[in-house]
Amino acid sequence: AVDPILKLATGSAREQLWLHLLVDAVRRDPDSTFADATFSPDRWTALVIRARPELSPYAARRRWGYAVALLLAVAETPVDGDALIDFIVSGIKSCSSDS
């Protein structure tokens, strides 16, 4: 989910405009068909729980929500993609207990 967004962020002016519109659309209507298909908490929460079975569904969903919010917040700024991915994954994998 991260690479295509970062590719748009570093692309042409047209691609950056598409990204801006995409981010705006997801922020305005997180329950839209596009947002749900791309960032669906249910789909991604299941993957987080598979990777971190000790997390409660609530904690996994909350961590995924934070990851998406962070991604959308920084998507339109210059960012080191690898560092961003490492940061997001570290937050999801964190050992803290947040049931």
C-alpha atoms as a PDB file:
ATOM      1  CA  ALA A   1       0.000   0.000   0.000  1.00  0.00           C
ATOM      2  CA  VAL A   2       2.945   2.336   0.558  1.00  0.00           C
ATOM      3  CA  ASP A   3       5.011   2.024  -2.642  1.00  0.00           C
ATOM      4  CA  PRO A   4       2.352   3.193  -5.120  1.00  0.00           C
ATOM      5  CA  ILE A   5       1.575   6.203  -2.947  1.00  0.00           C
ATOM      6  CA  LEU A   6       5.232   7.161  -2.631  1.00  0.00           C
ATOM      7  CA  LYS A   7       5.683   6.683  -6.379  1.00  0.00           C
ATOM      8  CA  LEU A   8       2.906   9.188  -7.023  1.00  0.00           C
ATOM      9  CA  ALA A   9       4.438  11.579  -4.475  1.00  0.00           C
ATOM     10  CA  THR A  10       7.729  11.656  -6.378  1.00  0.00           C
ATOM     11  CA  GLY A  11       6.174  11.577  -9.833  1.00  0.00           C
ATOM     12  CA  SER A  12       5.154  14.225 -12.311  1.00  0.00           C
ATOM     13  CA  ALA A  13       2.999  17.206 -11.420  1.00  0.00           C
ATOM     14  CA  ARG A  14      -0.014  15.266 -12.706  1.00  0.00           C
ATOM     15  CA  GLU A  15       0.813  12.254 -10.500  1.00  0.00           C
ATOM     16  CA  GLN A  16       1.265  14.508  -7.481  1.00  0.00           C
ATOM     17  CA  LEU A  17      -2.133  16.058  -8.190  1.00  0.00           C
ATOM     18  CA  TRP A  18      -3.677  12.581  -8.375  1.00  0.00           C
ATOM     19  CA  LEU A  19      -2.099  11.778  -5.016  1.00  0.00           C
ATOM     20  CA  HIS A  20      -3.441  14.988  -3.506  1.00  0.00           C
ATOM     21  CA  LEU A  21      -6.947  14.150  -4.756  1.00  0.00           C
ATOM     22  CA  LEU A  22      -6.609  10.556  -3.536  1.00  0.00           C
ATOM     23  CA  VAL A  23      -5.513  11.601  -0.041  1.00  0.00           C
ATOM     24  CA  ASP A  24      -8.277  14.203   0.096  1.00  0.00           C
ATOM     25  CA  ALA A  25     -10.906  11.669  -0.994  1.00  0.00           C
ATOM     26  CA  VAL A  26      -9.801   9.086   1.577  1.00  0.00           C
ATOM     27  CA  ARG A  27      -9.727  11.663   4.362  1.00  0.00           C
ATOM     28  CA  ARG A  28     -13.154  13.042   3.462  1.00  0.00           C
ATOM     29  CA  ASP A  29     -14.850   9.664   3.027  1.00  0.00           C
ATOM     30  CA  PRO A  30     -12.932   6.796   4.659  1.00  0.00           C
ATOM     31  CA  ASP A  31     -15.912   4.515   4.038  1.00  0.00           C
ATOM     32  CA  SER A  32     -15.878   5.068   0.268  1.00  0.00           C
ATOM     33  CA  THR A  33     -15.502   2.072  -2.018  1.00  0.00           C
ATOM     34  CA  PHE A  34     -11.944   3.085  -2.923  1.00  0.00           C
ATOM     35  CA  ALA A  35     -10.823   3.748   0.653  1.00  0.00           C
ATOM     36  CA  ASP A  36     -12.401   0.561   1.895  1.00  0.00           C
ATOM     37  CA  ALA A  37     -10.852  -1.565  -0.859  1.00  0.00           C
ATOM     38  CA  THR A  38      -7.407  -0.025  -0.357  1.00  0.00           C
ATOM     39  CA  PHE A  39      -7.158   0.591   3.373  1.00  0.00           C
ATOM     40  CA  SER A  40      -9.916  -1.676   4.739  1.00  0.00           C
ATOM     41  CA  PRO A  41      -9.378  -2.057   8.471  1.00  0.00           C
ATOM     42  CA  ASP A  42     -10.918  -5.533   8.396  1.00  0.00           C
ATOM     43  CA  ARG A  43      -8.557  -6.854   5.706  1.00  0.00           C
ATOM     44  CA  TRP A  44      -5.427  -5.291   7.134  1.00  0.00           C
ATOM     45  CA  THR A  45      -6.311  -6.010  10.759  1.00  0.00           C
ATOM     46  CA  ALA A  46      -6.472  -9.704   9.887  1.00  0.00           C
ATOM     47  CA  LEU A  47      -2.972  -9.481   8.400  1.00  0.00           C
ATOM     48  CA  VAL A  48      -1.646  -7.628  11.447  1.00  0.00           C
ATOM     49  CA  ILE A  49      -3.120 -10.269  13.757  1.00  0.00           C
ATOM     50  CA  ARG A  50      -1.585 -13.028  11.637  1.00  0.00           C
ATOM     51  CA  ALA A  51       1.816 -11.355  12.027  1.00  0.00           C
ATOM     52  CA  ARG A  52       1.258 -10.428  15.680  1.00  0.00           C
ATOM     53  CA  PRO A  53      -1.173 -13.010  17.136  1.00  0.00           C
ATOM     54  CA  GLU A  54      -0.699 -11.683  20.667  1.00  0.00           C
ATOM     55  CA  LEU A  55      -2.428  -8.409  19.716  1.00  0.00           C
ATOM     56  CA  SER A  56      -6.121  -8.050  20.355  1.00  0.00           C
ATOM     57  CA  PRO A  57      -8.272  -7.221  17.335  1.00  0.00           C
ATOM     58  CA  TYR A  58      -8.845  -3.790  18.888  1.00  0.00           C
ATOM     59  CA  ALA A  59      -5.103  -3.094  19.200  1.00  0.00           C
ATOM     60  CA  ALA A  60      -4.389  -4.362  15.684  1.00  0.00           C
ATOM     61  CA  ARG A  61      -7.174  -2.211  14.212  1.00  0.00           C
ATOM     62  CA  ARG A  62      -5.972   0.844  16.110  1.00  0.00           C
ATOM     63  CA  ARG A  63      -2.365   0.340  14.993  1.00  0.00           C
ATOM     64  CA  TRP A  64      -3.491  -0.058  11.379  1.00  0.00           C
ATOM     65  CA  GLY A  65      -5.538   3.146  11.693  1.00  0.00           C
ATOM     66  CA  TYR A  66      -2.479   5.003  12.958  1.00  0.00           C
ATOM     67  CA  ALA A  67      -0.378   3.613  10.109  1.00  0.00           C
ATOM     68  CA  VAL A  68      -2.875   4.793   7.477  1.00  0.00           C
ATOM     69  CA  ALA A  69      -3.223   8.210   9.120  1.00  0.00           C
ATOM     70  CA  LEU A  70       0.557   8.606   9.177  1.00  0.00           C
ATOM     71  CA  LEU A  71       0.914   7.496   5.573  1.00  0.00           C
ATOM     72  CA  LEU A  72      -1.737   9.949   4.402  1.00  0.00           C
ATOM     73  CA  ALA A  73      -0.226  12.750   6.505  1.00  0.00           C
ATOM     74  CA  VAL A  74       3.252  12.429   5.027  1.00  0.00           C
ATOM     75  CA  ALA A  75       2.382  11.206   1.534  1.00  0.00           C
ATOM     76  CA  GLU A  76       2.438  14.673   0.029  1.00  0.00           C
ATOM     77  CA  THR A  77       5.793  15.665   1.507  1.00  0.00           C
ATOM     78  CA  PRO A  78       9.295  14.549   0.588  1.00  0.00           C
ATOM     79  CA  VAL A  79       9.894  11.374   2.561  1.00  0.00           C
ATOM     80  CA  ASP A  80      12.384   8.540   2.665  1.00  0.00           C
ATOM     81  CA  GLY A  81      10.167   5.624   1.673  1.00  0.00           C
ATOM     82  CA  ASP A  82      12.316   2.958   3.298  1.00  0.00           C
ATOM     83  CA  ALA A  83      12.476   4.874   6.581  1.00  0.00           C
ATOM     84  CA  LEU A  84       8.711   5.434   6.502  1.00  0.00           C
ATOM     85  CA  ILE A  85       8.010   1.753   5.894  1.00  0.00           C
ATOM     86  CA  ASP A  86      10.425   0.760   8.689  1.00  0.00           C
ATOM     87  CA  PHE A  87       8.720   3.217  11.041  1.00  0.00           C
ATOM     88  CA  ILE A  88       5.221   1.988  10.214  1.00  0.00           C
ATOM     89  CA  VAL A  89       6.198  -1.672  10.518  1.00  0.00           C
ATOM     90  CA  SER A  90       7.973  -0.994  13.816  1.00  0.00           C
ATOM     91  CA  GLY A  91       4.838   0.647  15.190  1.00  0.00           C
ATOM     92  CA  ILE A  92       2.707  -2.302  14.169  1.00  0.00           C
ATOM     93  CA  LYS A  93       5.235  -4.813  15.525  1.00  0.00           C
ATOM     94  CA  SER A  94       5.894  -2.927  18.777  1.00  0.00           C
ATOM     95  CA  CYS A  95       5.976  -5.103  21.863  1.00  0.00           C
ATOM     96  CA  SER A  96       3.980  -2.679  23.974  1.00  0.00           C
ATOM     97  CA  SER A  97       0.806  -4.029  25.469  1.00  0.00           C
ATOM     98  CA  ASP A  98      -2.086  -1.935  24.247  1.00  0.00           C
ATOM     99  CA  SER A  99      -5.074  -4.215  24.466  1.00  0.00           C
END
